[in-house]
Amino acid sequence: MFSSKQRLAKRTGQYGIGRLSYLQSLVQEFQSTESSNSKREILANLANFAYDPINYDYLRQLNVLDMFLDVLADKEDQDPSLKLYALTGICNSALDKRIKAFYIENGGVKLVLDYLNWYDDSEMLIQAVTSLMYLVNNDSRKDIMSDSVKLRMAELVKSSDTRVKNLATIFMEDYIR
């Protein structure tokens, strides 16, 4: 649920942990833990926090946006859950103009495009396609509207997963044609 800073302060109370402090503790734990399960849980939480615009400044300040990109770029760690949560974080935050520009300037479009080929993972495809839709602007249009993306979207329109099929159809109608 979207909130205001005043409402968050009221709900947190005088002695409660603030949103920034909580997010900072999540980032620190993600960076220090060796547990794969903990990393997944933390990244999933950060991706969920990326849904609320009130957190955008905190996410930028704590370099969480870099974290999402780093997880996608990490070729050694192939944990699909981590990749999915990183894509979800990008998808959830990319509507903000400054965050969108950050992702585009830092190779986010290319990283997201790499995940269009996860043939057997509908959730991954949904996050990748939606992220690309949110990342389209004059600077990224050429990469997102490339021939290879057009071909992939044409394949996805035939998907047996209705959600993937519908997203690909919307992408084709709104961005390709």
N, C-alpha and C. Protein backbone atom coordinates (compact mmCIF):
# COMPACT_ATOMS: atom_id res chain seq x y z
N MET A 1 0.84 -1.17 0.00
CA MET A 1 0.00 0.00 0.00
C MET A 1 0.89 1.23 0.00
N PHE A 2 0.53 2.22 -0.80
CA PHE A 2 1.28 3.46 -0.84
C PHE A 2 0.99 4.24 0.42
N SER A 3 1.98 4.98 0.86
CA SER A 3 1.86 5.69 2.12
C SER A 3 2.56 7.03 2.00
N SER A 4 2.39 7.84 3.02
CA SER A 4 3.12 9.10 3.07
C SER A 4 4.15 9.00 4.18
N LYS A 5 5.14 9.86 4.15
CA LYS A 5 6.16 9.84 5.20
C LYS A 5 5.54 10.14 6.56
N GLN A 6 4.55 11.00 6.59
CA GLN A 6 3.88 11.33 7.85
C GLN A 6 3.15 10.10 8.41
N ARG A 7 2.47 9.37 7.54
CA ARG A 7 1.73 8.18 7.97
C ARG A 7 2.70 7.11 8.46
N LEU A 8 3.83 6.96 7.78
CA LEU A 8 4.83 5.99 8.22
C LEU A 8 5.39 6.35 9.59
N ALA A 9 5.67 7.63 9.80
CA ALA A 9 6.21 8.07 11.09
C ALA A 9 5.20 7.79 12.20
N LYS A 10 3.93 8.03 11.92
CA LYS A 10 2.88 7.79 12.91
C LYS A 10 2.76 6.30 13.22
N ARG A 11 2.80 5.47 12.20
CA ARG A 11 2.67 4.02 12.39
C ARG A 11 3.90 3.41 13.05
N THR A 12 5.06 3.98 12.80
CA THR A 12 6.30 3.44 13.35
C THR A 12 6.40 3.71 14.85
N GLY A 13 5.90 4.85 15.27
CA GLY A 13 5.95 5.18 16.69
C GLY A 13 7.26 5.83 17.07
N GLN A 14 7.30 6.33 18.27
CA GLN A 14 8.45 7.09 18.74
C GLN A 14 9.71 6.23 18.81
N TYR A 15 9.59 4.95 19.18
CA TYR A 15 10.77 4.12 19.39
C TYR A 15 10.94 3.03 18.35
N GLY A 16 10.08 3.02 17.37
CA GLY A 16 10.17 1.99 16.34
C GLY A 16 11.29 2.26 15.37
N ILE A 17 11.66 1.23 14.64
CA ILE A 17 12.71 1.38 13.63
C ILE A 17 12.12 2.09 12.41
N GLY A 18 12.82 3.06 11.88
CA GLY A 18 12.36 3.79 10.71
C GLY A 18 12.55 2.98 9.44
N ARG A 19 11.89 3.39 8.41
CA ARG A 19 11.95 2.69 7.12
C ARG A 19 13.38 2.64 6.59
N LEU A 20 14.07 3.77 6.61
CA LEU A 20 15.44 3.81 6.12
C LEU A 20 16.33 2.85 6.90
N SER A 21 16.21 2.86 8.21
CA SER A 21 17.02 1.97 9.04
C SER A 21 16.73 0.51 8.74
N TYR A 22 15.46 0.20 8.56
CA TYR A 22 15.08 -1.18 8.26
C TYR A 22 15.66 -1.61 6.91
N LEU A 23 15.50 -0.78 5.89
CA LEU A 23 16.05 -1.10 4.58
C LEU A 23 17.57 -1.22 4.64
N GLN A 24 18.20 -0.36 5.40
CA GLN A 24 19.65 -0.42 5.55
C GLN A 24 20.06 -1.74 6.19
N SER A 25 19.32 -2.19 7.17
CA SER A 25 19.66 -3.47 7.82
C SER A 25 19.47 -4.63 6.84
N LEU A 26 18.46 -4.55 5.97
CA LEU A 26 18.28 -5.59 4.95
C LEU A 26 19.47 -5.63 3.98
N VAL A 27 19.89 -4.45 3.55
CA VAL A 27 21.02 -4.38 2.62
C VAL A 27 22.28 -4.94 3.27
N GLN A 28 22.54 -4.56 4.50
CA GLN A 28 23.72 -5.05 5.20
C GLN A 28 23.68 -6.57 5.37
N GLU A 29 22.51 -7.08 5.70
CA GLU A 29 22.38 -8.53 5.87
C GLU A 29 22.58 -9.24 4.54
N PHE A 30 22.03 -8.69 3.46
CA PHE A 30 22.21 -9.30 2.13
C PHE A 30 23.70 -9.38 1.79
N GLN A 31 24.42 -8.33 2.08
CA GLN A 31 25.84 -8.26 1.73
C GLN A 31 26.70 -9.16 2.61
N SER A 32 26.26 -9.47 3.81
CA SER A 32 27.11 -10.23 4.73
C SER A 32 26.73 -11.71 4.86
N THR A 33 25.53 -12.06 4.50
CA THR A 33 25.10 -13.45 4.71
C THR A 33 25.69 -14.39 3.66
N GLU A 34 25.92 -15.61 4.08
CA GLU A 34 26.37 -16.66 3.18
C GLU A 34 25.21 -17.58 2.80
N SER A 35 24.10 -17.44 3.48
CA SER A 35 22.95 -18.31 3.27
C SER A 35 22.18 -17.93 2.01
N SER A 36 22.02 -18.89 1.12
CA SER A 36 21.25 -18.65 -0.12
C SER A 36 19.80 -18.35 0.20
N ASN A 37 19.24 -19.06 1.18
CA ASN A 37 17.85 -18.82 1.56
C ASN A 37 17.66 -17.41 2.10
N SER A 38 18.60 -16.95 2.91
CA SER A 38 18.51 -15.59 3.45
C SER A 38 18.62 -14.56 2.33
N LYS A 39 19.56 -14.78 1.41
CA LYS A 39 19.70 -13.84 0.28
C LYS A 39 18.40 -13.74 -0.52
N ARG A 40 17.77 -14.89 -0.78
CA ARG A 40 16.50 -14.88 -1.52
C ARG A 40 15.43 -14.10 -0.77
N GLU A 41 15.31 -14.38 0.51
CA GLU A 41 14.28 -13.72 1.32
C GLU A 41 14.51 -12.20 1.39
N ILE A 42 15.75 -11.81 1.57
CA ILE A 42 16.07 -10.39 1.66
C ILE A 42 15.81 -9.69 0.34
N LEU A 43 16.27 -10.29 -0.75
CA LEU A 43 16.06 -9.65 -2.07
C LEU A 43 14.58 -9.58 -2.41
N ALA A 44 13.81 -10.60 -2.03
CA ALA A 44 12.37 -10.56 -2.24
C ALA A 44 11.74 -9.40 -1.46
N ASN A 45 12.19 -9.20 -0.23
CA ASN A 45 11.69 -8.08 0.57
C ASN A 45 12.06 -6.74 -0.06
N LEU A 46 13.29 -6.61 -0.52
CA LEU A 46 13.71 -5.36 -1.15
C LEU A 46 12.92 -5.11 -2.44
N ALA A 47 12.66 -6.16 -3.20
CA ALA A 47 11.85 -6.01 -4.42
C ALA A 47 10.44 -5.55 -4.06
N ASN A 48 9.89 -6.06 -2.98
CA ASN A 48 8.56 -5.63 -2.55
C ASN A 48 8.57 -4.17 -2.09
N PHE A 49 9.62 -3.76 -1.40
CA PHE A 49 9.72 -2.37 -0.99
C PHE A 49 9.86 -1.44 -2.20
N ALA A 50 10.39 -1.96 -3.29
CA ALA A 50 10.55 -1.15 -4.51
C ALA A 50 9.21 -0.82 -5.15
N TYR A 51 8.15 -1.42 -4.68
CA TYR A 51 6.82 -1.18 -5.23
C TYR A 51 6.25 0.17 -4.78
N ASP A 52 6.69 0.65 -3.63
CA ASP A 52 6.12 1.87 -3.04
C ASP A 52 7.01 3.07 -3.32
N PRO A 53 6.49 4.07 -4.03
CA PRO A 53 7.30 5.25 -4.37
C PRO A 53 7.93 5.96 -3.18
N ILE A 54 7.36 5.79 -2.00
CA ILE A 54 7.94 6.45 -0.83
C ILE A 54 9.34 5.89 -0.52
N ASN A 55 9.63 4.70 -1.03
CA ASN A 55 10.92 4.07 -0.77
C ASN A 55 11.97 4.39 -1.82
N TYR A 56 11.61 5.02 -2.91
CA TYR A 56 12.55 5.23 -4.01
C TYR A 56 13.81 5.96 -3.57
N ASP A 57 13.68 7.03 -2.80
CA ASP A 57 14.87 7.75 -2.35
C ASP A 57 15.75 6.87 -1.48
N TYR A 58 15.13 6.08 -0.61
CA TYR A 58 15.90 5.18 0.25
C TYR A 58 16.63 4.13 -0.59
N LEU A 59 15.96 3.59 -1.58
CA LEU A 59 16.58 2.56 -2.42
C LEU A 59 17.77 3.13 -3.19
N ARG A 60 17.63 4.35 -3.66
CA ARG A 60 18.76 5.01 -4.34
C ARG A 60 19.90 5.25 -3.36
N GLN A 61 19.57 5.78 -2.20
CA GLN A 61 20.57 6.11 -1.19
C GLN A 61 21.35 4.87 -0.74
N LEU A 62 20.68 3.75 -0.64
CA LEU A 62 21.30 2.51 -0.15
C LEU A 62 21.88 1.64 -1.27
N ASN A 63 21.84 2.14 -2.50
CA ASN A 63 22.37 1.42 -3.67
C ASN A 63 21.66 0.10 -3.94
N VAL A 64 20.40 0.02 -3.59
CA VAL A 64 19.63 -1.19 -3.85
C VAL A 64 19.43 -1.38 -5.36
N LEU A 65 19.32 -0.28 -6.09
CA LEU A 65 19.16 -0.37 -7.54
C LEU A 65 20.38 -1.04 -8.16
N ASP A 66 21.56 -0.69 -7.67
CA ASP A 66 22.79 -1.36 -8.11
C ASP A 66 22.75 -2.84 -7.77
N MET A 67 22.22 -3.14 -6.59
CA MET A 67 22.13 -4.52 -6.15
C MET A 67 21.27 -5.34 -7.13
N PHE A 68 20.14 -4.78 -7.54
CA PHE A 68 19.29 -5.49 -8.50
C PHE A 68 20.06 -5.77 -9.79
N LEU A 69 20.76 -4.76 -10.29
CA LEU A 69 21.53 -4.93 -11.52
C LEU A 69 22.67 -5.93 -11.32
N ASP A 70 23.35 -5.85 -10.18
CA ASP A 70 24.46 -6.76 -9.91
C ASP A 70 24.01 -8.21 -9.88
N VAL A 71 22.86 -8.46 -9.28
CA VAL A 71 22.35 -9.83 -9.21
C VAL A 71 22.07 -10.35 -10.62
N LEU A 72 21.47 -9.53 -11.47
CA LEU A 72 21.20 -9.96 -12.84
C LEU A 72 22.49 -10.19 -13.61
N ALA A 73 23.50 -9.38 -13.35
CA ALA A 73 24.76 -9.46 -14.10
C ALA A 73 25.66 -10.59 -13.62
N ASP A 74 25.44 -11.09 -12.42
CA ASP A 74 26.31 -12.12 -11.83
C ASP A 74 26.11 -13.44 -12.56
N LYS A 75 27.08 -13.80 -13.37
CA LYS A 75 27.01 -15.05 -14.16
C LYS A 75 27.39 -16.27 -13.34
N GLU A 76 28.10 -16.06 -12.22
CA GLU A 76 28.49 -17.19 -11.38
C GLU A 76 27.32 -17.73 -10.57
N ASP A 77 26.50 -16.83 -10.03
CA ASP A 77 25.35 -17.25 -9.24
C ASP A 77 24.14 -17.35 -10.17
N GLN A 78 23.72 -18.55 -10.44
CA GLN A 78 22.61 -18.77 -11.37
C GLN A 78 21.30 -19.10 -10.65
N ASP A 79 21.18 -18.72 -9.39
CA ASP A 79 19.97 -18.98 -8.63
C ASP A 79 18.79 -18.27 -9.29
N PRO A 80 17.85 -19.02 -9.87
CA PRO A 80 16.74 -18.38 -10.58
C PRO A 80 15.86 -17.51 -9.68
N SER A 81 15.76 -17.86 -8.41
CA SER A 81 14.95 -17.04 -7.50
C SER A 81 15.57 -15.67 -7.30
N LEU A 82 16.89 -15.63 -7.14
CA LEU A 82 17.56 -14.33 -6.99
C LEU A 82 17.36 -13.49 -8.25
N LYS A 83 17.50 -14.13 -9.41
CA LYS A 83 17.32 -13.41 -10.68
C LYS A 83 15.89 -12.87 -10.77
N LEU A 84 14.92 -13.69 -10.41
CA LEU A 84 13.52 -13.27 -10.46
C LEU A 84 13.27 -12.09 -9.53
N TYR A 85 13.80 -12.14 -8.31
CA TYR A 85 13.58 -11.04 -7.36
C TYR A 85 14.27 -9.76 -7.82
N ALA A 86 15.43 -9.90 -8.44
CA ALA A 86 16.10 -8.71 -8.96
C ALA A 86 15.28 -8.09 -10.10
N LEU A 87 14.77 -8.93 -10.99
CA LEU A 87 13.90 -8.43 -12.07
C LEU A 87 12.65 -7.79 -11.49
N THR A 88 12.09 -8.39 -10.47
CA THR A 88 10.89 -7.84 -9.83
C THR A 88 11.19 -6.48 -9.23
N GLY A 89 12.35 -6.33 -8.60
CA GLY A 89 12.74 -5.04 -8.04
C GLY A 89 12.86 -3.98 -9.12
N ILE A 90 13.44 -4.35 -10.24
CA ILE A 90 13.56 -3.40 -11.36
C ILE A 90 12.16 -3.05 -11.88
N CYS A 91 11.35 -4.06 -12.08
CA CYS A 91 10.00 -3.85 -12.59
C CYS A 91 9.20 -2.94 -11.64
N ASN A 92 9.31 -3.19 -10.35
CA ASN A 92 8.54 -2.42 -9.37
C ASN A 92 8.99 -0.98 -9.24
N SER A 93 10.22 -0.68 -9.59
CA SER A 93 10.73 0.68 -9.38
C SER A 93 10.95 1.47 -10.66
N ALA A 94 10.87 0.83 -11.82
CA ALA A 94 11.26 1.48 -13.08
C ALA A 94 10.29 2.55 -13.57
N LEU A 95 9.15 2.68 -12.97
CA LEU A 95 8.23 3.74 -13.40
C LEU A 95 8.68 5.12 -12.93
N ASP A 96 9.52 5.16 -11.92
CA ASP A 96 10.08 6.43 -11.47
C ASP A 96 11.08 6.92 -12.52
N LYS A 97 10.95 8.16 -12.95
CA LYS A 97 11.79 8.68 -14.03
C LYS A 97 13.28 8.64 -13.72
N ARG A 98 13.65 8.99 -12.50
CA ARG A 98 15.08 8.97 -12.15
C ARG A 98 15.62 7.55 -12.08
N ILE A 99 14.81 6.65 -11.55
CA ILE A 99 15.24 5.25 -11.46
C ILE A 99 15.32 4.64 -12.85
N LYS A 100 14.34 4.93 -13.69
CA LYS A 100 14.37 4.44 -15.07
C LYS A 100 15.66 4.90 -15.75
N ALA A 101 15.99 6.18 -15.61
CA ALA A 101 17.21 6.71 -16.22
C ALA A 101 18.45 6.00 -15.66
N PHE A 102 18.44 5.74 -14.36
CA PHE A 102 19.56 5.03 -13.75
C PHE A 102 19.74 3.65 -14.37
N TYR A 103 18.65 2.90 -14.48
CA TYR A 103 18.74 1.56 -15.05
C TYR A 103 19.24 1.62 -16.50
N ILE A 104 18.72 2.54 -17.27
CA ILE A 104 19.12 2.65 -18.67
C ILE A 104 20.59 3.03 -18.79
N GLU A 105 21.02 4.00 -18.00
CA GLU A 105 22.41 4.46 -18.05
C GLU A 105 23.40 3.41 -17.55
N ASN A 106 22.94 2.47 -16.75
CA ASN A 106 23.83 1.48 -16.14
C ASN A 106 23.65 0.07 -16.70
N GLY A 107 23.17 -0.02 -17.93
CA GLY A 107 23.09 -1.31 -18.61
C GLY A 107 21.92 -2.18 -18.24
N GLY A 108 20.94 -1.63 -17.58
CA GLY A 108 19.79 -2.41 -17.14
C GLY A 108 18.98 -3.01 -18.27
N VAL A 109 18.86 -2.29 -19.38
CA VAL A 109 18.06 -2.79 -20.50
C VAL A 109 18.69 -4.08 -21.04
N LYS A 110 19.99 -4.06 -21.25
CA LYS A 110 20.67 -5.25 -21.75
C LYS A 110 20.50 -6.42 -20.78
N LEU A 111 20.65 -6.14 -19.49
CA LEU A 111 20.51 -7.20 -18.49
C LEU A 111 19.10 -7.79 -18.51
N VAL A 112 18.09 -6.94 -18.59
CA VAL A 112 16.71 -7.43 -18.63
C VAL A 112 16.47 -8.22 -19.91
N LEU A 113 17.00 -7.73 -21.03
CA LEU A 113 16.83 -8.44 -22.30
C LEU A 113 17.38 -9.86 -22.23
N ASP A 114 18.44 -10.07 -21.47
CA ASP A 114 19.01 -11.41 -21.33
C ASP A 114 18.02 -12.41 -20.74
N TYR A 115 17.04 -11.92 -20.00
CA TYR A 115 16.10 -12.82 -19.32
C TYR A 115 14.83 -13.07 -20.13
N LEU A 116 14.77 -12.54 -21.34
CA LEU A 116 13.64 -12.86 -22.23
C LEU A 116 13.73 -14.29 -22.75
N ASN A 117 14.85 -14.92 -22.58
CA ASN A 117 15.04 -16.26 -23.12
C ASN A 117 14.95 -17.36 -22.07
N TRP A 118 14.35 -17.07 -20.94
CA TRP A 118 14.11 -18.09 -19.94
C TRP A 118 12.80 -18.79 -20.32
N TYR A 119 12.90 -19.70 -21.26
CA TYR A 119 11.74 -20.30 -21.90
C TYR A 119 10.76 -20.96 -20.94
N ASP A 120 11.24 -21.62 -19.92
CA ASP A 120 10.36 -22.41 -19.07
C ASP A 120 9.91 -21.68 -17.80
N ASP A 121 10.23 -20.44 -17.66
CA ASP A 121 9.89 -19.72 -16.43
C ASP A 121 8.98 -18.54 -16.74
N SER A 122 7.69 -18.76 -16.61
CA SER A 122 6.71 -17.72 -16.92
C SER A 122 6.89 -16.49 -16.04
N GLU A 123 7.18 -16.69 -14.76
CA GLU A 123 7.33 -15.55 -13.86
C GLU A 123 8.50 -14.66 -14.30
N MET A 124 9.58 -15.30 -14.72
CA MET A 124 10.75 -14.55 -15.19
C MET A 124 10.38 -13.75 -16.45
N LEU A 125 9.67 -14.40 -17.36
CA LEU A 125 9.27 -13.72 -18.59
C LEU A 125 8.33 -12.55 -18.31
N ILE A 126 7.41 -12.74 -17.41
CA ILE A 126 6.46 -11.68 -17.06
C ILE A 126 7.20 -10.46 -16.51
N GLN A 127 8.15 -10.69 -15.60
CA GLN A 127 8.91 -9.58 -15.03
C GLN A 127 9.79 -8.92 -16.09
N ALA A 128 10.39 -9.72 -16.96
CA ALA A 128 11.27 -9.16 -17.99
C ALA A 128 10.48 -8.32 -18.99
N VAL A 129 9.38 -8.84 -19.49
CA VAL A 129 8.58 -8.10 -20.47
C VAL A 129 8.03 -6.82 -19.85
N THR A 130 7.49 -6.92 -18.66
CA THR A 130 6.93 -5.74 -18.00
C THR A 130 8.02 -4.70 -17.73
N SER A 131 9.18 -5.16 -17.29
CA SER A 131 10.29 -4.22 -17.05
C SER A 131 10.67 -3.50 -18.33
N LEU A 132 10.74 -4.23 -19.44
CA LEU A 132 11.09 -3.59 -20.71
C LEU A 132 10.04 -2.55 -21.10
N MET A 133 8.78 -2.85 -20.85
CA MET A 133 7.73 -1.88 -21.16
C MET A 133 7.94 -0.60 -20.36
N TYR A 134 8.34 -0.74 -19.10
CA TYR A 134 8.55 0.41 -18.24
C TYR A 134 9.84 1.16 -18.58
N LEU A 135 10.80 0.46 -19.17
CA LEU A 135 12.10 1.07 -19.46
C LEU A 135 12.19 1.74 -20.83
N VAL A 136 11.13 1.66 -21.61
CA VAL A 136 11.16 2.27 -22.94
C VAL A 136 11.20 3.80 -22.82
N ASN A 137 12.17 4.39 -23.47
CA ASN A 137 12.22 5.83 -23.68
C ASN A 137 13.07 6.09 -24.92
N ASN A 138 13.34 7.33 -25.23
CA ASN A 138 14.10 7.64 -26.45
C ASN A 138 15.49 7.02 -26.43
N ASP A 139 16.11 6.92 -25.25
CA ASP A 139 17.46 6.36 -25.15
C ASP A 139 17.49 4.84 -25.28
N SER A 140 16.44 4.18 -24.88
CA SER A 140 16.44 2.71 -24.85
C SER A 140 15.63 2.08 -25.97
N ARG A 141 14.86 2.88 -26.66
CA ARG A 141 13.93 2.36 -27.68
C ARG A 141 14.62 1.46 -28.71
N LYS A 142 15.79 1.86 -29.19
CA LYS A 142 16.49 1.09 -30.22
C LYS A 142 16.80 -0.33 -29.74
N ASP A 143 17.28 -0.46 -28.51
CA ASP A 143 17.61 -1.78 -27.97
C ASP A 143 16.36 -2.60 -27.70
N ILE A 144 15.34 -1.96 -27.14
CA ILE A 144 14.13 -2.69 -26.76
C ILE A 144 13.30 -3.07 -27.99
N MET A 145 13.41 -2.30 -29.07
CA MET A 145 12.64 -2.59 -30.28
C MET A 145 13.49 -3.28 -31.35
N SER A 146 14.54 -3.95 -30.93
CA SER A 146 15.43 -4.62 -31.89
C SER A 146 14.71 -5.79 -32.56
N ASP A 147 15.26 -6.24 -33.66
CA ASP A 147 14.67 -7.36 -34.39
C ASP A 147 14.59 -8.62 -33.53
N SER A 148 15.63 -8.85 -32.71
CA SER A 148 15.61 -10.05 -31.87
C SER A 148 14.49 -9.99 -30.82
N VAL A 149 14.22 -8.81 -30.30
CA VAL A 149 13.12 -8.65 -29.33
C VAL A 149 11.79 -8.84 -30.04
N LYS A 150 11.66 -8.29 -31.24
CA LYS A 150 10.43 -8.47 -32.00
C LYS A 150 10.15 -9.95 -32.26
N LEU A 151 11.19 -10.68 -32.64
CA LEU A 151 11.03 -12.12 -32.87
C LEU A 151 10.64 -12.86 -31.60
N ARG A 152 11.28 -12.48 -30.49
CA ARG A 152 10.97 -13.14 -29.21
C ARG A 152 9.54 -12.84 -28.79
N MET A 153 9.10 -11.61 -28.95
CA MET A 153 7.73 -11.27 -28.59
C MET A 153 6.73 -12.03 -29.47
N ALA A 154 7.06 -12.19 -30.73
CA ALA A 154 6.19 -12.97 -31.63
C ALA A 154 6.08 -14.41 -31.14
N GLU A 155 7.17 -14.96 -30.60
CA GLU A 155 7.12 -16.31 -30.01
C GLU A 155 6.26 -16.32 -28.76
N LEU A 156 6.44 -15.31 -27.91
CA LEU A 156 5.72 -15.26 -26.64
C LEU A 156 4.22 -15.06 -26.82
N VAL A 157 3.82 -14.45 -27.92
CA VAL A 157 2.39 -14.29 -28.21
C VAL A 157 1.72 -15.66 -28.35
N LYS A 158 2.50 -16.67 -28.66
CA LYS A 158 1.98 -18.03 -28.82
C LYS A 158 2.12 -18.87 -27.54
N SER A 159 2.52 -18.26 -26.46
CA SER A 159 2.75 -18.97 -25.21
C SER A 159 1.48 -19.65 -24.70
N SER A 160 1.66 -20.77 -24.04
CA SER A 160 0.53 -21.47 -23.44
C SER A 160 0.12 -20.80 -22.13
N ASP A 161 1.00 -19.98 -21.55
CA ASP A 161 0.67 -19.23 -20.34
C ASP A 161 -0.06 -17.96 -20.76
N THR A 162 -1.29 -17.84 -20.35
CA THR A 162 -2.13 -16.71 -20.75
C THR A 162 -1.52 -15.38 -20.35
N ARG A 163 -0.90 -15.33 -19.19
CA ARG A 163 -0.31 -14.07 -18.73
C ARG A 163 0.82 -13.63 -19.64
N VAL A 164 1.69 -14.57 -19.99
CA VAL A 164 2.81 -14.26 -20.89
C VAL A 164 2.27 -13.86 -22.25
N LYS A 165 1.32 -14.63 -22.74
CA LYS A 165 0.71 -14.35 -24.05
C LYS A 165 0.10 -12.95 -24.08
N ASN A 166 -0.66 -12.60 -23.04
CA ASN A 166 -1.30 -11.28 -23.00
C ASN A 166 -0.28 -10.14 -22.91
N LEU A 167 0.75 -10.31 -22.10
CA LEU A 167 1.79 -9.27 -22.00
C LEU A 167 2.51 -9.10 -23.33
N ALA A 168 2.86 -10.20 -23.95
CA ALA A 168 3.55 -10.12 -25.25
C ALA A 168 2.66 -9.46 -26.29
N THR A 169 1.37 -9.75 -26.25
CA THR A 169 0.43 -9.14 -27.18
C THR A 169 0.37 -7.63 -26.96
N ILE A 170 0.28 -7.23 -25.70
CA ILE A 170 0.26 -5.80 -25.38
C ILE A 170 1.56 -5.14 -25.84
N PHE A 171 2.68 -5.80 -25.58
CA PHE A 171 3.98 -5.26 -25.99
C PHE A 171 4.00 -5.07 -27.50
N MET A 172 3.55 -6.08 -28.24
CA MET A 172 3.54 -5.99 -29.71
C MET A 172 2.64 -4.85 -30.18
N GLU A 173 1.46 -4.74 -29.60
CA GLU A 173 0.50 -3.71 -30.03
C GLU A 173 0.96 -2.30 -29.66
N ASP A 174 1.54 -2.16 -28.49
CA ASP A 174 1.90 -0.82 -28.00
C ASP A 174 3.28 -0.34 -28.44
N TYR A 175 4.20 -1.28 -28.67
CA TYR A 175 5.58 -0.86 -28.92
C TYR A 175 6.15 -1.28 -30.26
N ILE A 176 5.63 -2.32 -30.84
CA ILE A 176 6.23 -2.85 -32.08
C ILE A 176 5.47 -2.37 -33.32
N ARG A 177 4.19 -2.40 -33.31
CA ARG A 177 3.41 -2.10 -34.50
C ARG A 177 3.22 -0.64 -34.72
